[in-house]
């Protein structure tokens, strides 16, 4: 059996000021994670008045079995460049081949036999 709280919730002081009332508010899950996946820019204001801008691209994570073969990002980029060179270029106006794959039900296959 649980022990009842001995402190009345109305008398409890959590140290929060009244203007920090979060009742009725809801957080957004993954709000900053989605932006991080898109990439972001950092502006560093130097003491001499110049601004250094650094852009960080989206974060790409490799599965552990793939990461065994690629120790750093340079080796991944080289492998992908090689793969891109093997893929034929798509010409303007060229469309994808449309293949229809139909799954025949077991009843139809059995009925034909």
PDB file of N, CA and C in Angstrom:
ATOM      1  N   UNK A   1       0.844  -1.171   0.000  1.00  0.00           N
ATOM      2  CA  UNK A   1       0.000   0.000   0.000  1.00  0.00           C
ATOM      3  C   UNK A   1       0.892   1.237   0.000  1.00  0.00           C
ATOM      4  N   UNK A   2       0.548   2.221  -0.825  1.00  0.00           N
ATOM      5  CA  UNK A   2       1.323   3.449  -0.905  1.00  0.00           C
ATOM      6  C   UNK A   2       1.037   4.350   0.276  1.00  0.00           C
ATOM      7  N   UNK A   3       2.083   5.075   0.664  1.00  0.00           N
ATOM      8  CA  UNK A   3       1.890   6.057   1.713  1.00  0.00           C
ATOM      9  C   UNK A   3       1.310   7.326   1.099  1.00  0.00           C
ATOM     10  N   UNK A   4       0.424   7.934   1.784  1.00  0.00           N
ATOM     11  CA  UNK A   4      -0.183   9.168   1.297  1.00  0.00           C
ATOM     12  C   UNK A   4       0.831  10.308   1.410  1.00  0.00           C
ATOM     13  N   UNK A   5       0.764  11.244   0.450  1.00  0.00           N
ATOM     14  CA  UNK A   5       1.639  12.413   0.521  1.00  0.00           C
ATOM     15  C   UNK A   5       1.281  13.238   1.749  1.00  0.00           C
ATOM     16  N   UNK A   6       2.287  13.601   2.502  1.00  0.00           N
ATOM     17  CA  UNK A   6       2.042  14.356   3.724  1.00  0.00           C
ATOM     18  C   UNK A   6       2.000  15.859   3.458  1.00  0.00           C
ATOM     19  N   UNK A   7       2.476  16.275   2.262  1.00  0.00           N
ATOM     20  CA  UNK A   7       2.506  17.694   1.940  1.00  0.00           C
ATOM     21  C   UNK A   7       1.308  18.023   1.068  1.00  0.00           C
ATOM     22  N   UNK A   8       0.595  19.040   1.452  1.00  0.00           N
ATOM     23  CA  UNK A   8      -0.534  19.508   0.670  1.00  0.00           C
ATOM     24  C   UNK A   8       0.015  20.172  -0.596  1.00  0.00           C
ATOM     25  N   UNK A   9      -0.468  19.807  -1.784  1.00  0.00           N
ATOM     26  CA  UNK A   9       0.067  20.384  -3.019  1.00  0.00           C
ATOM     27  C   UNK A   9      -0.059  21.899  -3.091  1.00  0.00           C
ATOM     28  N   UNK A  10      -1.060  22.465  -2.448  1.00  0.00           N
ATOM     29  CA  UNK A  10      -1.228  23.918  -2.467  1.00  0.00           C
ATOM     30  C   UNK A  10      -0.162  24.614  -1.630  1.00  0.00           C
ATOM     31  N   UNK A  11       0.335  23.941  -0.616  1.00  0.00           N
ATOM     32  CA  UNK A  11       1.339  24.531   0.264  1.00  0.00           C
ATOM     33  C   UNK A  11       2.766  24.250  -0.215  1.00  0.00           C
ATOM     34  N   UNK A  12       2.916  23.375  -1.173  1.00  0.00           N
ATOM     35  CA  UNK A  12       4.242  22.988  -1.636  1.00  0.00           C
ATOM     36  C   UNK A  12       4.876  24.123  -2.440  1.00  0.00           C
ATOM     37  N   UNK A  13       6.110  24.484  -2.103  1.00  0.00           N
ATOM     38  CA  UNK A  13       6.834  25.534  -2.817  1.00  0.00           C
ATOM     39  C   UNK A  13       7.952  24.875  -3.616  1.00  0.00           C
ATOM     40  N   UNK A  14       7.817  24.873  -4.941  1.00  0.00           N
ATOM     41  CA  UNK A  14       8.830  24.256  -5.782  1.00  0.00           C
ATOM     42  C   UNK A  14       9.892  25.252  -6.230  1.00  0.00           C
ATOM     43  N   UNK A  15       9.787  26.492  -5.810  1.00  0.00           N
ATOM     44  CA  UNK A  15      10.777  27.490  -6.155  1.00  0.00           C
ATOM     45  C   UNK A  15      10.505  28.183  -7.483  1.00  0.00           C
ATOM     46  N   UNK A  16       9.428  27.834  -8.142  1.00  0.00           N
ATOM     47  CA  UNK A  16       9.095  28.453  -9.421  1.00  0.00           C
ATOM     48  C   UNK A  16       8.318  29.743  -9.186  1.00  0.00           C
ATOM     49  N   UNK A  17       8.642  30.748  -9.954  1.00  0.00           N
ATOM     50  CA  UNK A  17       7.914  32.001  -9.875  1.00  0.00           C
ATOM     51  C   UNK A  17       6.559  31.850 -10.559  1.00  0.00           C
ATOM     52  N   UNK A  18       5.588  32.678 -10.178  1.00  0.00           N
ATOM     53  CA  UNK A  18       4.240  32.523 -10.759  1.00  0.00           C
ATOM     54  C   UNK A  18       4.195  32.713 -12.275  1.00  0.00           C
ATOM     55  N   UNK A  19       5.118  33.511 -12.836  1.00  0.00           N
ATOM     56  CA  UNK A  19       5.085  33.725 -14.292  1.00  0.00           C
ATOM     57  C   UNK A  19       5.539  32.504 -15.076  1.00  0.00           C
ATOM     58  N   UNK A  20       6.112  31.506 -14.397  1.00  0.00           N
ATOM     59  CA  UNK A  20       6.513  30.266 -15.055  1.00  0.00           C
ATOM     60  C   UNK A  20       5.438  29.218 -14.864  1.00  0.00           C
ATOM     61  N   UNK A  21       4.287  29.469 -15.401  1.00  0.00           N
ATOM     62  CA  UNK A  21       3.164  28.544 -15.285  1.00  0.00           C
ATOM     63  C   UNK A  21       3.083  27.732 -16.566  1.00  0.00           C
ATOM     64  N   UNK A  22       3.360  26.435 -16.501  1.00  0.00           N
ATOM     65  CA  UNK A  22       3.373  25.577 -17.677  1.00  0.00           C
ATOM     66  C   UNK A  22       2.121  24.713 -17.785  1.00  0.00           C
ATOM     67  N   UNK A  23       1.139  24.980 -16.982  1.00  0.00           N
ATOM     68  CA  UNK A  23      -0.092  24.199 -17.073  1.00  0.00           C
ATOM     69  C   UNK A  23      -0.779  24.490 -18.396  1.00  0.00           C
ATOM     70  N   UNK A  24      -1.247  23.447 -19.051  1.00  0.00           N
ATOM     71  CA  UNK A  24      -1.951  23.595 -20.317  1.00  0.00           C
ATOM     72  C   UNK A  24      -1.025  23.738 -21.510  1.00  0.00           C
ATOM     73  N   UNK A  25       0.278  23.708 -21.306  1.00  0.00           N
ATOM     74  CA  UNK A  25       1.226  23.819 -22.408  1.00  0.00           C
ATOM     75  C   UNK A  25       1.778  22.429 -22.706  1.00  0.00           C
ATOM     76  N   UNK A  26       2.101  22.209 -23.969  1.00  0.00           N
ATOM     77  CA  UNK A  26       2.583  20.903 -24.366  1.00  0.00           C
ATOM     78  C   UNK A  26       3.854  21.084 -25.193  1.00  0.00           C
ATOM     79  N   UNK A  27       4.856  20.290 -24.936  1.00  0.00           N
ATOM     80  CA  UNK A  27       6.095  20.355 -25.698  1.00  0.00           C
ATOM     81  C   UNK A  27       5.958  19.662 -27.046  1.00  0.00           C
ATOM     82  N   UNK A  28       6.868  19.977 -27.948  1.00  0.00           N
ATOM     83  CA  UNK A  28       6.873  19.371 -29.267  1.00  0.00           C
ATOM     84  C   UNK A  28       8.032  18.397 -29.327  1.00  0.00           C
ATOM     85  N   UNK A  29       7.720  17.143 -29.553  1.00  0.00           N
ATOM     86  CA  UNK A  29       8.751  16.121 -29.578  1.00  0.00           C
ATOM     87  C   UNK A  29       9.590  16.235 -30.854  1.00  0.00           C
ATOM     88  N   UNK A  30      10.903  16.249 -30.698  1.00  0.00           N
ATOM     89  CA  UNK A  30      11.805  16.270 -31.836  1.00  0.00           C
ATOM     90  C   UNK A  30      11.901  17.607 -32.540  1.00  0.00           C
ATOM     91  N   UNK A  31      11.509  18.687 -31.897  1.00  0.00           N
ATOM     92  CA  UNK A  31      11.488  20.006 -32.524  1.00  0.00           C
ATOM     93  C   UNK A  31      12.876  20.407 -33.022  1.00  0.00           C
ATOM     94  N   UNK A  32      13.870  20.272 -32.201  1.00  0.00           N
ATOM     95  CA  UNK A  32      15.217  20.670 -32.578  1.00  0.00           C
ATOM     96  C   UNK A  32      15.950  19.566 -33.321  1.00  0.00           C
ATOM     97  N   UNK A  33      15.546  18.332 -33.143  1.00  0.00           N
ATOM     98  CA  UNK A  33      16.170  17.211 -33.836  1.00  0.00           C
ATOM     99  C   UNK A  33      15.931  17.315 -35.339  1.00  0.00           C
ATOM    100  N   UNK A  34      14.716  17.693 -35.734  1.00  0.00           N
ATOM    101  CA  UNK A  34      14.411  17.823 -37.167  1.00  0.00           C
ATOM    102  C   UNK A  34      15.264  18.908 -37.805  1.00  0.00           C
ATOM    103  N   UNK A  35      15.442  20.037 -37.123  1.00  0.00           N
ATOM    104  CA  UNK A  35      16.276  21.109 -37.651  1.00  0.00           C
ATOM    105  C   UNK A  35      17.726  20.668 -37.760  1.00  0.00           C
ATOM    106  N   UNK A  36      18.199  19.899 -36.803  1.00  0.00           N
ATOM    107  CA  UNK A  36      19.567  19.406 -36.824  1.00  0.00           C
ATOM    108  C   UNK A  36      19.784  18.479 -38.018  1.00  0.00           C
ATOM    109  N   UNK A  37      18.778  17.705 -38.367  1.00  0.00           N
ATOM    110  CA  UNK A  37      18.884  16.810 -39.509  1.00  0.00           C
ATOM    111  C   UNK A  37      18.961  17.571 -40.829  1.00  0.00           C
ATOM    112  N   UNK A  38      18.376  18.763 -40.895  1.00  0.00           N
ATOM    113  CA  UNK A  38      18.413  19.573 -42.110  1.00  0.00           C
ATOM    114  C   UNK A  38      19.759  20.272 -42.289  1.00  0.00           C
ATOM    115  N   UNK A  39      20.460  20.507 -41.201  1.00  0.00           N
ATOM    116  CA  UNK A  39      21.705  21.263 -41.249  1.00  0.00           C
ATOM    117  C   UNK A  39      21.482  22.638 -40.626  1.00  0.00           C
ATOM    118  N   UNK A  40      22.556  23.280 -40.222  1.00  0.00           N
ATOM    119  CA  UNK A  40      22.413  24.581 -39.576  1.00  0.00           C
ATOM    120  C   UNK A  40      23.667  25.417 -39.801  1.00  0.00           C
ATOM    121  N   UNK A  41      23.558  26.719 -39.543  1.00  0.00           N
ATOM    122  CA  UNK A  41      24.650  27.661 -39.729  1.00  0.00           C
ATOM    123  C   UNK A  41      24.966  28.319 -38.399  1.00  0.00           C
ATOM    124  N   UNK A  42      26.260  28.460 -38.102  1.00  0.00           N
ATOM    125  CA  UNK A  42      26.707  29.115 -36.869  1.00  0.00           C
ATOM    126  C   UNK A  42      27.445  30.385 -37.262  1.00  0.00           C
ATOM    127  N   UNK A  43      27.065  31.505 -36.650  1.00  0.00           N
ATOM    128  CA  UNK A  43      27.752  32.778 -36.874  1.00  0.00           C
ATOM    129  C   UNK A  43      28.539  33.125 -35.617  1.00  0.00           C
ATOM    130  N   UNK A  44      29.851  33.273 -35.768  1.00  0.00           N
ATOM    131  CA  UNK A  44      30.722  33.590 -34.640  1.00  0.00           C
ATOM    132  C   UNK A  44      31.172  35.039 -34.804  1.00  0.00           C
ATOM    133  N   UNK A  45      30.825  35.886 -33.830  1.00  0.00           N
ATOM    134  CA  UNK A  45      31.209  37.301 -33.859  1.00  0.00           C
ATOM    135  C   UNK A  45      32.545  37.438 -33.143  1.00  0.00           C
ATOM    136  N   UNK A  46      33.568  37.788 -33.899  1.00  0.00           N
ATOM    137  CA  UNK A  46      34.916  37.918 -33.355  1.00  0.00           C
ATOM    138  C   UNK A  46      35.102  39.287 -32.699  1.00  0.00           C
ATOM    139  N   UNK A  47      36.133  39.409 -31.864  1.00  0.00           N
ATOM    140  CA  UNK A  47      36.395  40.663 -31.149  1.00  0.00           C
ATOM    141  C   UNK A  47      36.771  41.795 -32.094  1.00  0.00           C
ATOM    142  N   UNK A  48      37.394  41.481 -33.230  1.00  0.00           N
ATOM    143  CA  UNK A  48      37.807  42.530 -34.164  1.00  0.00           C
ATOM    144  C   UNK A  48      36.662  43.003 -35.060  1.00  0.00           C
ATOM    145  N   UNK A  49      35.446  42.517 -34.853  1.00  0.00           N
ATOM    146  CA  UNK A  49      34.278  42.963 -35.600  1.00  0.00           C
ATOM    147  C   UNK A  49      33.924  42.089 -36.782  1.00  0.00           C
ATOM    148  N   UNK A  50      34.754  41.133 -37.106  1.00  0.00           N
ATOM    149  CA  UNK A  50      34.446  40.238 -38.220  1.00  0.00           C
ATOM    150  C   UNK A  50      33.505  39.138 -37.761  1.00  0.00           C
ATOM    151  N   UNK A  51      32.835  38.551 -38.728  1.00  0.00           N
ATOM    152  CA  UNK A  51      31.907  37.461 -38.437  1.00  0.00           C
ATOM    153  C   UNK A  51      32.356  36.236 -39.215  1.00  0.00           C
ATOM    154  N   UNK A  52      32.549  35.137 -38.511  1.00  0.00           N
ATOM    155  CA  UNK A  52      32.908  33.875 -39.139  1.00  0.00           C
ATOM    156  C   UNK A  52      31.649  33.033 -39.237  1.00  0.00           C
ATOM    157  N   UNK A  53      31.362  32.558 -40.450  1.00  0.00           N
ATOM    158  CA  UNK A  53      30.159  31.755 -40.669  1.00  0.00           C
ATOM    159  C   UNK A  53      30.579  30.326 -40.993  1.00  0.00           C
ATOM    160  N   UNK A  54      30.026  29.384 -40.255  1.00  0.00           N
ATOM    161  CA  UNK A  54      30.287  27.971 -40.497  1.00  0.00           C
ATOM    162  C   UNK A  54      28.952  27.270 -40.728  1.00  0.00           C
ATOM    163  N   UNK A  55      28.894  26.508 -41.808  1.00  0.00           N
ATOM    164  CA  UNK A  55      27.671  25.757 -42.096  1.00  0.00           C
ATOM    165  C   UNK A  55      27.934  24.279 -41.837  1.00  0.00           C
ATOM    166  N   UNK A  56      27.049  23.670 -41.081  1.00  0.00           N
ATOM    167  CA  UNK A  56      27.137  22.248 -40.781  1.00  0.00           C
ATOM    168  C   UNK A  56      25.986  21.556 -41.494  1.00  0.00           C
ATOM    169  N   UNK A  57      26.324  20.586 -42.329  1.00  0.00           N
ATOM    170  CA  UNK A  57      25.319  19.875 -43.113  1.00  0.00           C
ATOM    171  C   UNK A  57      24.547  18.897 -42.254  1.00  0.00           C
ATOM    172  N   UNK A  58      23.627  18.210 -42.880  1.00  0.00           N
ATOM    173  CA  UNK A  58      22.840  17.231 -42.136  1.00  0.00           C
ATOM    174  C   UNK A  58      23.715  16.091 -41.624  1.00  0.00           C
ATOM    175  N   UNK A  59      23.313  15.539 -40.520  1.00  0.00           N
ATOM    176  CA  UNK A  59      24.058  14.438 -39.907  1.00  0.00           C
ATOM    177  C   UNK A  59      23.583  13.132 -40.526  1.00  0.00           C
ATOM    178  N   UNK A  60      24.536  12.352 -41.001  1.00  0.00           N
ATOM    179  CA  UNK A  60      24.213  11.057 -41.590  1.00  0.00           C
ATOM    180  C   UNK A  60      24.892   9.989 -40.734  1.00  0.00           C
ATOM    181  N   UNK A  61      24.119   9.045 -40.287  1.00  0.00           N
ATOM    182  CA  UNK A  61      24.650   7.990 -39.427  1.00  0.00           C
ATOM    183  C   UNK A  61      24.687   6.674 -40.190  1.00  0.00           C
ATOM    184  N   UNK A  62      25.770   5.958 -40.017  1.00  0.00           N
ATOM    185  CA  UNK A  62      25.919   4.654 -40.662  1.00  0.00           C
ATOM    186  C   UNK A  62      25.556   3.558 -39.678  1.00  0.00           C
ATOM    187  N   UNK A  63      25.003   2.488 -40.206  1.00  0.00           N
ATOM    188  CA  UNK A  63      24.734   1.321 -39.383  1.00  0.00           C
ATOM    189  C   UNK A  63      26.073   0.708 -38.979  1.00  0.00           C
ATOM    190  N   UNK A  64      26.140   0.038 -37.831  1.00  0.00           N
ATOM    191  CA  UNK A  64      27.413  -0.516 -37.350  1.00  0.00           C
ATOM    192  C   UNK A  64      28.102  -1.466 -38.319  1.00  0.00           C
ATOM    193  N   UNK A  65      27.326  -2.301 -39.036  1.00  0.00           N
ATOM    194  CA  UNK A  65      27.957  -3.243 -39.967  1.00  0.00           C
ATOM    195  C   UNK A  65      28.574  -2.522 -41.160  1.00  0.00           C
ATOM    196  N   UNK A  66      28.000  -1.412 -41.580  1.00  0.00           N
ATOM    197  CA  UNK A  66      28.554  -0.626 -42.681  1.00  0.00           C
ATOM    198  C   UNK A  66      29.759   0.176 -42.190  1.00  0.00           C
ATOM    199  N   UNK A  67      29.676   0.690 -40.976  1.00  0.00           N
ATOM    200  CA  UNK A  67      30.758   1.513 -40.421  1.00  0.00           C
ATOM    201  C   UNK A  67      32.052   0.725 -40.253  1.00  0.00           C
ATOM    202  N   UNK A  68      31.965  -0.602 -40.178  1.00  0.00           N
ATOM    203  CA  UNK A  68      33.173  -1.425 -40.084  1.00  0.00           C
ATOM    204  C   UNK A  68      34.070  -1.254 -41.311  1.00  0.00           C
ATOM    205  N   UNK A  69      33.446  -1.024 -42.474  1.00  0.00           N
ATOM    206  CA  UNK A  69      34.191  -0.910 -43.722  1.00  0.00           C
ATOM    207  C   UNK A  69      34.645   0.515 -44.030  1.00  0.00           C
ATOM    208  N   UNK A  70      34.048   1.497 -43.385  1.00  0.00           N
ATOM    209  CA  UNK A  70      34.372   2.895 -43.661  1.00  0.00           C
ATOM    210  C   UNK A  70      34.818   3.585 -42.369  1.00  0.00           C
ATOM    211  N   UNK A  71      36.129   3.768 -42.178  1.00  0.00           N
ATOM    212  CA  UNK A  71      36.616   4.355 -40.932  1.00  0.00           C
ATOM    213  C   UNK A  71      36.354   5.851 -40.797  1.00  0.00           C
ATOM    214  N   UNK A  72      36.194   6.573 -41.931  1.00  0.00           N
ATOM    215  CA  UNK A  72      35.972   8.015 -41.841  1.00  0.00           C
ATOM    216  C   UNK A  72      35.074   8.467 -42.990  1.00  0.00           C
ATOM    217  N   UNK A  73      34.682   9.746 -42.961  1.00  0.00           N
ATOM    218  CA  UNK A  73      33.755  10.261 -43.966  1.00  0.00           C
ATOM    219  C   UNK A  73      34.396  10.321 -45.352  1.00  0.00           C
ATOM    220  N   UNK A  74      35.702  10.490 -45.423  1.00  0.00           N
ATOM    221  CA  UNK A  74      36.378  10.561 -46.723  1.00  0.00           C
ATOM    222  C   UNK A  74      36.231   9.245 -47.483  1.00  0.00           C
ATOM    223  N   UNK A  75      36.361   8.119 -46.797  1.00  0.00           N
ATOM    224  CA  UNK A  75      36.226   6.820 -47.466  1.00  0.00           C
ATOM    225  C   UNK A  75      34.783   6.582 -47.924  1.00  0.00           C
ATOM    226  N   UNK A  76      33.813   7.060 -47.158  1.00  0.00           N
ATOM    227  CA  UNK A  76      32.410   6.938 -47.565  1.00  0.00           C
ATOM    228  C   UNK A  76      32.169   7.766 -48.819  1.00  0.00           C
ATOM    229  N   UNK A  77      32.680   8.994 -48.835  1.00  0.00           N
ATOM    230  CA  UNK A  77      32.507   9.863 -50.005  1.00  0.00           C
ATOM    231  C   UNK A  77      33.154   9.268 -51.247  1.00  0.00           C
ATOM    232  N   UNK A  78      34.349   8.705 -51.114  1.00  0.00           N
ATOM    233  CA  UNK A  78      35.015   8.084 -52.260  1.00  0.00           C
ATOM    234  C   UNK A  78      34.211   6.904 -52.804  1.00  0.00           C
ATOM    235  N   UNK A  79      33.677   6.090 -51.922  1.00  0.00           N
ATOM    236  CA  UNK A  79      32.874   4.939 -52.350  1.00  0.00           C
ATOM    237  C   UNK A  79      31.605   5.401 -53.062  1.00  0.00           C
ATOM    238  N   UNK A  80      30.963   6.437 -52.546  1.00  0.00           N
ATOM    239  CA  UNK A  80      29.745   6.931 -53.183  1.00  0.00           C
ATOM    240  C   UNK A  80      30.035   7.595 -54.522  1.00  0.00           C
ATOM    241  N   UNK A  81      31.159   8.300 -54.641  1.00  0.00           N
ATOM    242  CA  UNK A  81      31.527   8.901 -55.926  1.00  0.00           C
ATOM    243  C   UNK A  81      31.771   7.814 -56.983  1.00  0.00           C
ATOM    244  N   UNK A  82      32.393   6.723 -56.567  1.00  0.00           N
ATOM    245  CA  UNK A  82      32.613   5.605 -57.478  1.00  0.00           C
ATOM    246  C   UNK A  82      31.286   5.010 -57.922  1.00  0.00           C
ATOM    247  N   UNK A  83      30.363   4.865 -56.991  1.00  0.00           N
ATOM    248  CA  UNK A  83      29.043   4.322 -57.310  1.00  0.00           C
ATOM    249  C   UNK A  83      28.276   5.261 -58.233  1.00  0.00           C
ATOM    250  N   UNK A  84      28.373   6.556 -57.995  1.00  0.00           N
ATOM    251  CA  UNK A  84      27.677   7.531 -58.839  1.00  0.00           C
ATOM    252  C   UNK A  84      28.212   7.473 -60.267  1.00  0.00           C
ATOM    253  N   UNK A  85      29.522   7.254 -60.415  1.00  0.00           N
ATOM    254  CA  UNK A  85      30.112   7.171 -61.752  1.00  0.00           C
ATOM    255  C   UNK A  85      29.578   5.960 -62.530  1.00  0.00           C
ATOM    256  N   UNK A  86      29.174   4.911 -61.853  1.00  0.00           N
ATOM    257  CA  UNK A  86      28.664   3.713 -62.505  1.00  0.00           C
ATOM    258  C   UNK A  86      27.204   3.848 -62.951  1.00  0.00           C
ATOM    259  N   UNK A  87      26.464   4.765 -62.315  1.00  0.00           N
ATOM    260  CA  UNK A  87      25.053   4.944 -62.631  1.00  0.00           C
ATOM    261  C   UNK A  87      24.929   5.794 -63.886  1.00  0.00           C
ATOM    262  N   UNK A  88      24.185   5.329 -64.887  1.00  0.00           N
ATOM    263  CA  UNK A  88      24.029   6.142 -66.101  1.00  0.00           C
ATOM    264  C   UNK A  88      23.221   7.401 -65.801  1.00  0.00           C
ATOM    265  N   UNK A  89      23.569   8.476 -66.520  1.00  0.00           N
ATOM    266  CA  UNK A  89      22.870   9.734 -66.289  1.00  0.00           C
ATOM    267  C   UNK A  89      21.470   9.663 -66.874  1.00  0.00           C
ATOM    268  N   UNK A  90      20.544  10.272 -66.194  1.00  0.00           N
ATOM    269  CA  UNK A  90      19.167  10.305 -66.661  1.00  0.00           C
ATOM    270  C   UNK A  90      19.023  11.471 -67.635  1.00  0.00           C
ATOM    271  N   UNK A  91      18.489  11.211 -68.804  1.00  0.00           N
ATOM    272  CA  UNK A  91      18.318  12.261 -69.799  1.00  0.00           C
ATOM    273  C   UNK A  91      17.011  12.998 -69.553  1.00  0.00           C
ATOM    274  N   UNK A  92      16.947  14.231 -70.027  1.00  0.00           N
ATOM    275  CA  UNK A  92      15.746  15.046 -69.844  1.00  0.00           C
ATOM    276  C   UNK A  92      14.594  14.387 -70.590  1.00  0.00           C
ATOM    277  N   UNK A  93      13.472  14.294 -69.932  1.00  0.00           N
ATOM    278  CA  UNK A  93      12.286  13.701 -70.533  1.00  0.00           C
ATOM    279  C   UNK A  93      12.206  12.200 -70.369  1.00  0.00           C
ATOM    280  N   UNK A  94      13.242  11.593 -69.831  1.00  0.00           N
ATOM    281  CA  UNK A  94      13.241  10.146 -69.639  1.00  0.00           C
ATOM    282  C   UNK A  94      12.397   9.815 -68.416  1.00  0.00           C
ATOM    283  N   UNK A  95      11.577   8.812 -68.538  1.00  0.00           N
ATOM    284  CA  UNK A  95      10.718   8.429 -67.422  1.00  0.00           C
ATOM    285  C   UNK A  95      11.122   7.055 -66.914  1.00  0.00           C
ATOM    286  N   UNK A  96      10.649   6.744 -65.749  1.00  0.00           N
ATOM    287  CA  UNK A  96      10.927   5.433 -65.157  1.00  0.00           C
ATOM    288  C   UNK A  96      10.130   4.360 -65.888  1.00  0.00           C
ATOM    289  N   UNK A  97      10.693   3.177 -65.932  1.00  0.00           N
ATOM    290  CA  UNK A  97       9.967   2.049 -66.497  1.00  0.00           C
ATOM    291  C   UNK A  97       8.868   1.664 -65.525  1.00  0.00           C
ATOM    292  N   UNK A  98       7.708   1.395 -66.077  1.00  0.00           N
ATOM    293  CA  UNK A  98       6.579   1.043 -65.224  1.00  0.00           C
ATOM    294  C   UNK A  98       6.316  -0.448 -65.346  1.00  0.00           C
ATOM    295  N   UNK A  99       6.574  -1.146 -64.305  1.00  0.00           N
ATOM    296  CA  UNK A  99       6.341  -2.577 -64.266  1.00  0.00           C
ATOM    297  C   UNK A  99       5.199  -2.844 -63.315  1.00  0.00           C
ATOM    298  N   UNK A 100       4.287  -3.663 -63.763  1.00  0.00           N
ATOM    299  CA  UNK A 100       3.175  -4.035 -62.897  1.00  0.00           C
ATOM    300  C   UNK A 100       3.413  -5.444 -62.398  1.00  0.00           C
ATOM    301  N   UNK A 101       3.470  -5.562 -61.110  1.00  0.00           N
ATOM    302  CA  UNK A 101       3.628  -6.868 -60.493  1.00  0.00           C
ATOM    303  C   UNK A 101       2.327  -7.185 -59.802  1.00  0.00           C
ATOM    304  N   UNK A 102       1.685  -8.230 -60.266  1.00  0.00           N
ATOM    305  CA  UNK A 102       0.420  -8.599 -59.645  1.00  0.00           C
ATOM    306  C   UNK A 102       0.615  -9.891 -58.864  1.00  0.00           C
ATOM    307  N   UNK A 103       0.085  -9.879 -57.696  1.00  0.00           N
ATOM    308  CA  UNK A 103       0.148 -11.070 -56.866  1.00  0.00           C
ATOM    309  C   UNK A 103      -1.172 -11.824 -57.029  1.00  0.00           C
ATOM    310  N   UNK A 104      -1.064 -13.021 -57.530  1.00  0.00           N
ATOM    311  CA  UNK A 104      -2.268 -13.825 -57.713  1.00  0.00           C
ATOM    312  C   UNK A 104      -2.598 -14.503 -56.398  1.00  0.00           C
ATOM    313  N   UNK A 105      -3.848 -14.495 -56.091  1.00  0.00           N
ATOM    314  CA  UNK A 105      -4.254 -15.113 -54.839  1.00  0.00           C
ATOM    315  C   UNK A 105      -4.129 -16.632 -54.941  1.00  0.00           C
ATOM    316  N   UNK A 106      -4.029 -17.292 -53.838  1.00  0.00           N
ATOM    317  CA  UNK A 106      -3.875 -18.743 -53.791  1.00  0.00           C
ATOM    318  C   UNK A 106      -5.094 -19.443 -54.379  1.00  0.00           C
ATOM    319  N   UNK A 107      -6.265 -18.820 -54.263  1.00  0.00           N
ATOM    320  CA  UNK A 107      -7.489 -19.424 -54.789  1.00  0.00           C
ATOM    321  C   UNK A 107      -7.445 -19.476 -56.314  1.00  0.00           C
ATOM    322  N   UNK A 108      -6.971 -18.395 -56.954  1.00  0.00           N
ATOM    323  CA  UNK A 108      -6.907 -18.358 -58.410  1.00  0.00           C
ATOM    324  C   UNK A 108      -5.914 -19.387 -58.956  1.00  0.00           C
ATOM    325  N   UNK A 109      -4.764 -19.473 -58.320  1.00  0.00           N
ATOM    326  CA  UNK A 109      -3.742 -20.432 -58.759  1.00  0.00           C
ATOM    327  C   UNK A 109      -4.240 -21.848 -58.603  1.00  0.00           C
ATOM    328  N   UNK A 110      -4.903 -22.134 -57.488  1.00  0.00           N
ATOM    329  CA  UNK A 110      -5.432 -23.475 -57.249  1.00  0.00           C
ATOM    330  C   UNK A 110      -6.559 -23.804 -58.220  1.00  0.00           C
ATOM    331  N   UNK A 111      -7.371 -22.819 -58.597  1.00  0.00           N
ATOM    332  CA  UNK A 111      -8.494 -23.050 -59.510  1.00  0.00           C
ATOM    333  C   UNK A 111      -8.019 -23.369 -60.913  1.00  0.00           C
ATOM    334  N   UNK A 112      -6.907 -22.779 -61.342  1.00  0.00           N
ATOM    335  CA  UNK A 112      -6.383 -23.019 -62.681  1.00  0.00           C
ATOM    336  C   UNK A 112      -5.797 -24.411 -62.825  1.00  0.00           C
ATOM    337  N   UNK A 113      -5.314 -24.990 -61.769  1.00  0.00           N
ATOM    338  CA  UNK A 113      -4.685 -26.323 -61.830  1.00  0.00           C
ATOM    339  C   UNK A 113      -5.676 -27.386 -61.910  1.00  0.00           C
TER     340      UNK A 113
END
